[in-house]
């Protein structure tokens, strides 16, 4: 999607560890992950979620969060995500 110009690196990172890159959709599109289609519009932000983040979410957002994001006040590290550390000794 980067090479095709569908998304662009927003030069920022998701506020929660492991701090994946945030991408901005340059035009409407969709991506397929394990048979599920995720649609987005121009101007949407896309960030790929780690397993811990997905385990913590009540609505099972899947591997990609698509939203209009705004800056966060602070970052969170894995150790701060105690409820999401399933199977990791916590």
PDB file of N, CA and C in Angstrom:
ATOM      1  N   UNK A   1       0.817  -1.194   0.000  1.00  0.00           N
ATOM      2  CA  UNK A   1       0.000   0.000   0.000  1.00  0.00           C
ATOM      3  C   UNK A   1       0.858   1.255   0.000  1.00  0.00           C
ATOM      4  N   UNK A   2       2.009   1.185   0.663  1.00  0.00           N
ATOM      5  CA  UNK A   2       2.932   2.325   0.640  1.00  0.00           C
ATOM      6  C   UNK A   2       3.439   2.574  -0.776  1.00  0.00           C
ATOM      7  N   UNK A   3       3.906   1.534  -1.428  1.00  0.00           N
ATOM      8  CA  UNK A   3       4.458   1.684  -2.782  1.00  0.00           C
ATOM      9  C   UNK A   3       3.416   2.172  -3.780  1.00  0.00           C
ATOM     10  N   UNK A   4       2.168   1.777  -3.570  1.00  0.00           N
ATOM     11  CA  UNK A   4       1.092   2.183  -4.480  1.00  0.00           C
ATOM     12  C   UNK A   4       0.526   3.553  -4.143  1.00  0.00           C
ATOM     13  N   UNK A   5       0.972   4.166  -3.043  1.00  0.00           N
ATOM     14  CA  UNK A   5       0.493   5.492  -2.665  1.00  0.00           C
ATOM     15  C   UNK A   5      -0.881   5.500  -2.024  1.00  0.00           C
ATOM     16  N   UNK A   6      -1.354   4.334  -1.607  1.00  0.00           N
ATOM     17  CA  UNK A   6      -2.665   4.255  -0.958  1.00  0.00           C
ATOM     18  C   UNK A   6      -2.583   4.803   0.462  1.00  0.00           C
ATOM     19  N   UNK A   7      -1.464   4.516   1.147  1.00  0.00           N
ATOM     20  CA  UNK A   7      -1.213   5.065   2.481  1.00  0.00           C
ATOM     21  C   UNK A   7       0.163   5.712   2.480  1.00  0.00           C
ATOM     22  N   UNK A   8       0.368   6.601   3.436  1.00  0.00           N
ATOM     23  CA  UNK A   8       1.675   7.244   3.621  1.00  0.00           C
ATOM     24  C   UNK A   8       2.037   7.170   5.098  1.00  0.00           C
ATOM     25  N   UNK A   9       3.316   7.048   5.366  1.00  0.00           N
ATOM     26  CA  UNK A   9       3.816   7.078   6.729  1.00  0.00           C
ATOM     27  C   UNK A   9       3.501   8.464   7.294  1.00  0.00           C
ATOM     28  N   UNK A  10       2.837   8.495   8.429  1.00  0.00           N
ATOM     29  CA  UNK A  10       2.431   9.763   9.038  1.00  0.00           C
ATOM     30  C   UNK A  10       3.566  10.389   9.864  1.00  0.00           C
ATOM     31  N   UNK A  11       4.717   9.712   9.909  1.00  0.00           N
ATOM     32  CA  UNK A  11       5.868  10.185  10.690  1.00  0.00           C
ATOM     33  C   UNK A  11       5.544  10.316  12.174  1.00  0.00           C
ATOM     34  N   UNK A  12       4.726   9.374  12.663  1.00  0.00           N
ATOM     35  CA  UNK A  12       4.401   9.313  14.078  1.00  0.00           C
ATOM     36  C   UNK A  12       4.165   7.857  14.444  1.00  0.00           C
ATOM     37  N   UNK A  13       4.071   7.599  15.741  1.00  0.00           N
ATOM     38  CA  UNK A  13       3.901   6.243  16.229  1.00  0.00           C
ATOM     39  C   UNK A  13       2.718   6.153  17.166  1.00  0.00           C
ATOM     40  N   UNK A  14       2.115   4.945  17.251  1.00  0.00           N
ATOM     41  CA  UNK A  14       1.018   4.671  18.173  1.00  0.00           C
ATOM     42  C   UNK A  14       1.529   4.850  19.597  1.00  0.00           C
ATOM     43  N   UNK A  15       0.695   5.345  20.479  1.00  0.00           N
ATOM     44  CA  UNK A  15       1.139   5.722  21.819  1.00  0.00           C
ATOM     45  C   UNK A  15       1.418   4.538  22.735  1.00  0.00           C
ATOM     46  N   UNK A  16       0.976   3.347  22.356  1.00  0.00           N
ATOM     47  CA  UNK A  16       1.162   2.171  23.208  1.00  0.00           C
ATOM     48  C   UNK A  16       2.231   1.252  22.645  1.00  0.00           C
ATOM     49  N   UNK A  17       3.020   0.698  23.543  1.00  0.00           N
ATOM     50  CA  UNK A  17       4.072  -0.234  23.166  1.00  0.00           C
ATOM     51  C   UNK A  17       3.454  -1.406  22.407  1.00  0.00           C
ATOM     52  N   UNK A  18       4.076  -1.841  21.342  1.00  0.00           N
ATOM     53  CA  UNK A  18       5.430  -1.609  20.872  1.00  0.00           C
ATOM     54  C   UNK A  18       5.563  -0.429  19.908  1.00  0.00           C
ATOM     55  N   UNK A  19       4.664   0.522  19.955  1.00  0.00           N
ATOM     56  CA  UNK A  19       4.724   1.776  19.211  1.00  0.00           C
ATOM     57  C   UNK A  19       4.837   1.596  17.687  1.00  0.00           C
ATOM     58  N   UNK A  20       3.851   0.905  17.081  1.00  0.00           N
ATOM     59  CA  UNK A  20       3.896   0.744  15.622  1.00  0.00           C
ATOM     60  C   UNK A  20       3.678   2.066  14.892  1.00  0.00           C
ATOM     61  N   UNK A  21       4.117   2.099  13.666  1.00  0.00           N
ATOM     62  CA  UNK A  21       3.965   3.276  12.805  1.00  0.00           C
ATOM     63  C   UNK A  21       2.484   3.543  12.520  1.00  0.00           C
ATOM     64  N   UNK A  22       2.110   4.816  12.471  1.00  0.00           N
ATOM     65  CA  UNK A  22       0.764   5.229  12.075  1.00  0.00           C
ATOM     66  C   UNK A  22       0.832   5.641  10.608  1.00  0.00           C
ATOM     67  N   UNK A  23      -0.132   5.165   9.830  1.00  0.00           N
ATOM     68  CA  UNK A  23      -0.211   5.489   8.409  1.00  0.00           C
ATOM     69  C   UNK A  23      -1.456   6.319   8.146  1.00  0.00           C
ATOM     70  N   UNK A  24      -1.400   7.213   7.166  1.00  0.00           N
ATOM     71  CA  UNK A  24      -2.540   8.028   6.761  1.00  0.00           C
ATOM     72  C   UNK A  24      -2.994   7.566   5.387  1.00  0.00           C
ATOM     73  N   UNK A  25      -4.290   7.261   5.274  1.00  0.00           N
ATOM     74  CA  UNK A  25      -4.848   6.850   3.988  1.00  0.00           C
ATOM     75  C   UNK A  25      -4.878   8.053   3.053  1.00  0.00           C
ATOM     76  N   UNK A  26      -4.312   7.891   1.877  1.00  0.00           N
ATOM     77  CA  UNK A  26      -4.274   8.954   0.876  1.00  0.00           C
ATOM     78  C   UNK A  26      -5.515   8.931  -0.006  1.00  0.00           C
ATOM     79  N   UNK A  27      -6.159   7.768  -0.033  1.00  0.00           N
ATOM     80  CA  UNK A  27      -7.400   7.620  -0.785  1.00  0.00           C
ATOM     81  C   UNK A  27      -8.172   6.442  -0.206  1.00  0.00           C
ATOM     82  N   UNK A  28      -9.398   6.311  -0.602  1.00  0.00           N
ATOM     83  CA  UNK A  28     -10.245   5.211  -0.142  1.00  0.00           C
ATOM     84  C   UNK A  28      -9.626   3.882  -0.537  1.00  0.00           C
ATOM     85  N   UNK A  29      -9.776   2.898   0.318  1.00  0.00           N
ATOM     86  CA  UNK A  29      -9.232   1.591  -0.001  1.00  0.00           C
ATOM     87  C   UNK A  29      -9.700   0.543   0.983  1.00  0.00           C
ATOM     88  N   UNK A  30      -9.104  -0.630   0.872  1.00  0.00           N
ATOM     89  CA  UNK A  30      -9.432  -1.752   1.753  1.00  0.00           C
ATOM     90  C   UNK A  30      -8.234  -2.675   1.815  1.00  0.00           C
ATOM     91  N   UNK A  31      -8.177  -3.426   2.895  1.00  0.00           N
ATOM     92  CA  UNK A  31      -7.167  -4.462   2.994  1.00  0.00           C
ATOM     93  C   UNK A  31      -7.831  -5.701   3.563  1.00  0.00           C
ATOM     94  N   UNK A  32      -7.293  -6.840   3.212  1.00  0.00           N
ATOM     95  CA  UNK A  32      -7.841  -8.113   3.645  1.00  0.00           C
ATOM     96  C   UNK A  32      -6.824  -8.803   4.539  1.00  0.00           C
ATOM     97  N   UNK A  33      -7.282  -9.210   5.727  1.00  0.00           N
ATOM     98  CA  UNK A  33      -6.439  -9.947   6.662  1.00  0.00           C
ATOM     99  C   UNK A  33      -7.217 -11.185   7.092  1.00  0.00           C
ATOM    100  N   UNK A  34      -6.682 -12.360   6.760  1.00  0.00           N
ATOM    101  CA  UNK A  34      -7.292 -13.637   7.137  1.00  0.00           C
ATOM    102  C   UNK A  34      -8.776 -13.684   6.739  1.00  0.00           C
ATOM    103  N   UNK A  35      -9.094 -13.167   5.556  1.00  0.00           N
ATOM    104  CA  UNK A  35     -10.453 -13.235   5.035  1.00  0.00           C
ATOM    105  C   UNK A  35     -11.380 -12.120   5.484  1.00  0.00           C
ATOM    106  N   UNK A  36     -10.932 -11.255   6.385  1.00  0.00           N
ATOM    107  CA  UNK A  36     -11.745 -10.119   6.829  1.00  0.00           C
ATOM    108  C   UNK A  36     -11.297  -8.877   6.068  1.00  0.00           C
ATOM    109  N   UNK A  37     -12.266  -8.138   5.541  1.00  0.00           N
ATOM    110  CA  UNK A  37     -11.982  -6.916   4.792  1.00  0.00           C
ATOM    111  C   UNK A  37     -12.103  -5.716   5.730  1.00  0.00           C
ATOM    112  N   UNK A  38     -11.079  -4.879   5.736  1.00  0.00           N
ATOM    113  CA  UNK A  38     -11.067  -3.642   6.515  1.00  0.00           C
ATOM    114  C   UNK A  38     -11.050  -2.483   5.531  1.00  0.00           C
ATOM    115  N   UNK A  39     -12.092  -1.662   5.555  1.00  0.00           N
ATOM    116  CA  UNK A  39     -12.217  -0.542   4.629  1.00  0.00           C
ATOM    117  C   UNK A  39     -11.819   0.762   5.318  1.00  0.00           C
ATOM    118  N   UNK A  40     -11.261   1.659   4.534  1.00  0.00           N
ATOM    119  CA  UNK A  40     -10.877   2.965   5.065  1.00  0.00           C
ATOM    120  C   UNK A  40     -11.127   4.031   4.009  1.00  0.00           C
ATOM    121  N   UNK A  41     -11.200   5.284   4.484  1.00  0.00           N
ATOM    122  CA  UNK A  41     -11.426   6.446   3.613  1.00  0.00           C
ATOM    123  C   UNK A  41     -10.194   7.330   3.614  1.00  0.00           C
ATOM    124  N   UNK A  42     -10.074   8.155   2.626  1.00  0.00           N
ATOM    125  CA  UNK A  42      -8.978   9.130   2.582  1.00  0.00           C
ATOM    126  C   UNK A  42      -9.008   9.950   3.868  1.00  0.00           C
ATOM    127  N   UNK A  43      -7.854  10.120   4.484  1.00  0.00           N
ATOM    128  CA  UNK A  43      -7.754  10.878   5.727  1.00  0.00           C
ATOM    129  C   UNK A  43      -7.809  10.020   6.976  1.00  0.00           C
ATOM    130  N   UNK A  44      -8.230   8.759   6.863  1.00  0.00           N
ATOM    131  CA  UNK A  44      -8.231   7.863   8.020  1.00  0.00           C
ATOM    132  C   UNK A  44      -6.797   7.509   8.379  1.00  0.00           C
ATOM    133  N   UNK A  45      -6.584   7.222   9.653  1.00  0.00           N
ATOM    134  CA  UNK A  45      -5.297   6.731  10.123  1.00  0.00           C
ATOM    135  C   UNK A  45      -5.408   5.229  10.333  1.00  0.00           C
ATOM    136  N   UNK A  46      -4.340   4.511  10.013  1.00  0.00           N
ATOM    137  CA  UNK A  46      -4.287   3.068  10.177  1.00  0.00           C
ATOM    138  C   UNK A  46      -3.091   2.727  11.036  1.00  0.00           C
ATOM    139  N   UNK A  47      -3.297   1.853  12.015  1.00  0.00           N
ATOM    140  CA  UNK A  47      -2.202   1.383  12.855  1.00  0.00           C
ATOM    141  C   UNK A  47      -2.429  -0.098  13.127  1.00  0.00           C
ATOM    142  N   UNK A  48      -1.396  -0.881  12.936  1.00  0.00           N
ATOM    143  CA  UNK A  48      -1.483  -2.313  13.161  1.00  0.00           C
ATOM    144  C   UNK A  48      -1.255  -2.602  14.630  1.00  0.00           C
ATOM    145  N   UNK A  49      -2.192  -3.324  15.231  1.00  0.00           N
ATOM    146  CA  UNK A  49      -2.211  -3.567  16.670  1.00  0.00           C
ATOM    147  C   UNK A  49      -1.483  -4.853  17.038  1.00  0.00           C
ATOM    148  N   UNK A  50      -0.713  -4.805  18.125  1.00  0.00           N
ATOM    149  CA  UNK A  50      -0.051  -6.011  18.611  1.00  0.00           C
ATOM    150  C   UNK A  50      -1.088  -6.905  19.302  1.00  0.00           C
ATOM    151  N   UNK A  51      -0.727  -8.145  19.533  1.00  0.00           N
ATOM    152  CA  UNK A  51      -1.629  -9.120  20.155  1.00  0.00           C
ATOM    153  C   UNK A  51      -2.110  -8.648  21.525  1.00  0.00           C
ATOM    154  N   UNK A  52      -1.233  -8.060  22.339  1.00  0.00           N
ATOM    155  CA  UNK A  52      -1.638  -7.594  23.664  1.00  0.00           C
ATOM    156  C   UNK A  52      -2.722  -6.531  23.565  1.00  0.00           C
ATOM    157  N   UNK A  53      -2.584  -5.622  22.639  1.00  0.00           N
ATOM    158  CA  UNK A  53      -3.573  -4.554  22.481  1.00  0.00           C
ATOM    159  C   UNK A  53      -4.924  -5.141  22.062  1.00  0.00           C
ATOM    160  N   UNK A  54      -4.891  -6.100  21.160  1.00  0.00           N
ATOM    161  CA  UNK A  54      -6.134  -6.724  20.703  1.00  0.00           C
ATOM    162  C   UNK A  54      -6.777  -7.531  21.817  1.00  0.00           C
ATOM    163  N   UNK A  55      -5.984  -8.204  22.645  1.00  0.00           N
ATOM    164  CA  UNK A  55      -6.535  -8.970  23.768  1.00  0.00           C
ATOM    165  C   UNK A  55      -7.216  -8.064  24.777  1.00  0.00           C
ATOM    166  N   UNK A  56      -6.712  -6.848  24.927  1.00  0.00           N
ATOM    167  CA  UNK A  56      -7.261  -5.912  25.903  1.00  0.00           C
ATOM    168  C   UNK A  56      -8.563  -5.265  25.424  1.00  0.00           C
ATOM    169  N   UNK A  57      -8.761  -5.174  24.130  1.00  0.00           N
ATOM    170  CA  UNK A  57      -9.944  -4.502  23.576  1.00  0.00           C
ATOM    171  C   UNK A  57     -11.196  -5.362  23.752  1.00  0.00           C
ATOM    172  N   UNK A  58     -12.272  -4.730  24.164  1.00  0.00           N
ATOM    173  CA  UNK A  58     -13.529  -5.442  24.379  1.00  0.00           C
ATOM    174  C   UNK A  58     -14.220  -5.809  23.066  1.00  0.00           C
ATOM    175  N   UNK A  59     -14.010  -5.029  22.020  1.00  0.00           N
ATOM    176  CA  UNK A  59     -14.747  -5.238  20.772  1.00  0.00           C
ATOM    177  C   UNK A  59     -13.940  -5.961  19.698  1.00  0.00           C
ATOM    178  N   UNK A  60     -12.802  -6.559  20.039  1.00  0.00           N
ATOM    179  CA  UNK A  60     -11.943  -7.307  19.110  1.00  0.00           C
ATOM    180  C   UNK A  60     -11.769  -6.563  17.792  1.00  0.00           C
ATOM    181  N   UNK A  61     -10.966  -5.498  17.804  1.00  0.00           N
ATOM    182  CA  UNK A  61     -10.820  -4.669  16.609  1.00  0.00           C
ATOM    183  C   UNK A  61     -10.044  -5.311  15.461  1.00  0.00           C
ATOM    184  N   UNK A  62      -9.492  -6.491  15.688  1.00  0.00           N
ATOM    185  CA  UNK A  62      -8.698  -7.107  14.638  1.00  0.00           C
ATOM    186  C   UNK A  62      -7.292  -6.546  14.627  1.00  0.00           C
ATOM    187  N   UNK A  63      -6.526  -6.919  13.630  1.00  0.00           N
ATOM    188  CA  UNK A  63      -5.120  -6.526  13.629  1.00  0.00           C
ATOM    189  C   UNK A  63      -4.859  -5.089  13.204  1.00  0.00           C
ATOM    190  N   UNK A  64      -5.879  -4.386  12.731  1.00  0.00           N
ATOM    191  CA  UNK A  64      -5.670  -3.005  12.294  1.00  0.00           C
ATOM    192  C   UNK A  64      -6.755  -2.105  12.896  1.00  0.00           C
ATOM    193  N   UNK A  65      -6.319  -0.982  13.440  1.00  0.00           N
ATOM    194  CA  UNK A  65      -7.242   0.038  13.941  1.00  0.00           C
ATOM    195  C   UNK A  65      -7.326   1.109  12.867  1.00  0.00           C
ATOM    196  N   UNK A  66      -8.541   1.432  12.467  1.00  0.00           N
ATOM    197  CA  UNK A  66      -8.774   2.477  11.466  1.00  0.00           C
ATOM    198  C   UNK A  66      -9.626   3.541  12.134  1.00  0.00           C
ATOM    199  N   UNK A  67      -9.084   4.753  12.233  1.00  0.00           N
ATOM    200  CA  UNK A  67      -9.775   5.834  12.937  1.00  0.00           C
ATOM    201  C   UNK A  67      -9.163   7.164  12.538  1.00  0.00           C
ATOM    202  N   UNK A  68      -9.748   8.238  13.020  1.00  0.00           N
ATOM    203  CA  UNK A  68      -9.152   9.570  12.900  1.00  0.00           C
ATOM    204  C   UNK A  68      -8.489   9.836  14.248  1.00  0.00           C
ATOM    205  N   UNK A  69      -7.189   9.657  14.303  1.00  0.00           N
ATOM    206  CA  UNK A  69      -6.465   9.725  15.572  1.00  0.00           C
ATOM    207  C   UNK A  69      -6.045  11.146  15.908  1.00  0.00           C
ATOM    208  N   UNK A  70      -5.839  11.388  17.195  1.00  0.00           N
ATOM    209  CA  UNK A  70      -5.323  12.678  17.655  1.00  0.00           C
ATOM    210  C   UNK A  70      -4.144  12.416  18.568  1.00  0.00           C
ATOM    211  N   UNK A  71      -3.305  13.399  18.794  1.00  0.00           N
ATOM    212  CA  UNK A  71      -2.109  13.190  19.630  1.00  0.00           C
ATOM    213  C   UNK A  71      -2.456  12.742  21.044  1.00  0.00           C
ATOM    214  N   UNK A  72      -1.616  11.874  21.594  1.00  0.00           N
ATOM    215  CA  UNK A  72      -1.770  11.400  22.974  1.00  0.00           C
ATOM    216  C   UNK A  72      -0.892  12.247  23.890  1.00  0.00           C
ATOM    217  N   UNK A  73      -1.270  12.302  25.159  1.00  0.00           N
ATOM    218  CA  UNK A  73      -0.501  13.056  26.145  1.00  0.00           C
ATOM    219  C   UNK A  73       0.760  12.319  26.586  1.00  0.00           C
ATOM    220  N   UNK A  74       0.714  10.976  26.566  1.00  0.00           N
ATOM    221  CA  UNK A  74       1.867  10.198  27.041  1.00  0.00           C
ATOM    222  C   UNK A  74       1.865   8.826  26.382  1.00  0.00           C
ATOM    223  N   UNK A  75       3.026   8.212  26.350  1.00  0.00           N
ATOM    224  CA  UNK A  75       3.166   6.859  25.812  1.00  0.00           C
ATOM    225  C   UNK A  75       2.940   5.844  26.929  1.00  0.00           C
ATOM    226  N   UNK A  76       2.565   4.621  26.541  1.00  0.00           N
ATOM    227  CA  UNK A  76       2.420   3.532  27.503  1.00  0.00           C
ATOM    228  C   UNK A  76       3.317   2.391  27.079  1.00  0.00           C
ATOM    229  N   UNK A  77       4.031   1.831  28.039  1.00  0.00           N
ATOM    230  CA  UNK A  77       4.903   0.701  27.780  1.00  0.00           C
ATOM    231  C   UNK A  77       4.193  -0.598  28.134  1.00  0.00           C
ATOM    232  N   UNK A  78       4.705  -1.716  27.663  1.00  0.00           N
ATOM    233  CA  UNK A  78       4.090  -3.017  27.915  1.00  0.00           C
ATOM    234  C   UNK A  78       3.839  -3.267  29.395  1.00  0.00           C
ATOM    235  N   UNK A  79       4.768  -2.899  30.247  1.00  0.00           N
ATOM    236  CA  UNK A  79       4.623  -3.114  31.682  1.00  0.00           C
ATOM    237  C   UNK A  79       3.455  -2.366  32.289  1.00  0.00           C
ATOM    238  N   UNK A  80       2.988  -1.321  31.618  1.00  0.00           N
ATOM    239  CA  UNK A  80       1.847  -0.535  32.098  1.00  0.00           C
ATOM    240  C   UNK A  80       0.524  -1.141  31.668  1.00  0.00           C
ATOM    241  N   UNK A  81       0.568  -2.183  30.866  1.00  0.00           N
ATOM    242  CA  UNK A  81      -0.640  -2.778  30.309  1.00  0.00           C
ATOM    243  C   UNK A  81      -0.921  -4.107  31.002  1.00  0.00           C
ATOM    244  N   UNK A  82      -1.077  -4.099  32.324  1.00  0.00           N
ATOM    245  CA  UNK A  82      -1.172  -5.327  33.113  1.00  0.00           C
ATOM    246  C   UNK A  82      -2.316  -6.229  32.671  1.00  0.00           C
ATOM    247  N   UNK A  83      -3.455  -5.692  32.289  1.00  0.00           N
ATOM    248  CA  UNK A  83      -4.581  -6.511  31.868  1.00  0.00           C
ATOM    249  C   UNK A  83      -4.353  -7.186  30.545  1.00  0.00           C
ATOM    250  N   UNK A  84      -3.419  -6.693  29.760  1.00  0.00           N
ATOM    251  CA  UNK A  84      -3.184  -7.230  28.428  1.00  0.00           C
ATOM    252  C   UNK A  84      -2.047  -8.242  28.394  1.00  0.00           C
ATOM    253  N   UNK A  85      -1.478  -8.555  29.519  1.00  0.00           N
ATOM    254  CA  UNK A  85      -0.309  -9.433  29.536  1.00  0.00           C
ATOM    255  C   UNK A  85      -0.696 -10.897  29.695  1.00  0.00           C
ATOM    256  N   UNK A  86      -1.801 -11.321  29.117  1.00  0.00           N
ATOM    257  CA  UNK A  86      -2.264 -12.710  29.198  1.00  0.00           C
ATOM    258  C   UNK A  86      -1.170 -13.645  28.702  1.00  0.00           C
ATOM    259  N   UNK A  87      -0.926 -14.680  29.469  1.00  0.00           N
ATOM    260  CA  UNK A  87       0.042 -15.684  29.054  1.00  0.00           C
ATOM    261  C   UNK A  87       1.485 -15.229  29.096  1.00  0.00           C
ATOM    262  N   UNK A  88       1.749 -14.090  29.725  1.00  0.00           N
ATOM    263  CA  UNK A  88       3.116 -13.578  29.753  1.00  0.00           C
ATOM    264  C   UNK A  88       3.639 -13.461  31.189  1.00  0.00           C
ATOM    265  N   UNK A  89       3.051 -14.263  32.097  1.00  0.00           N
ATOM    266  CA  UNK A  89       3.539 -14.272  33.467  1.00  0.00           C
ATOM    267  C   UNK A  89       2.969 -13.188  34.357  1.00  0.00           C
ATOM    268  N   UNK A  90       1.996 -12.436  33.869  1.00  0.00           N
ATOM    269  CA  UNK A  90       1.359 -11.388  34.685  1.00  0.00           C
ATOM    270  C   UNK A  90      -0.114 -11.654  34.810  1.00  0.00           C
TER     271      UNK A  90
END
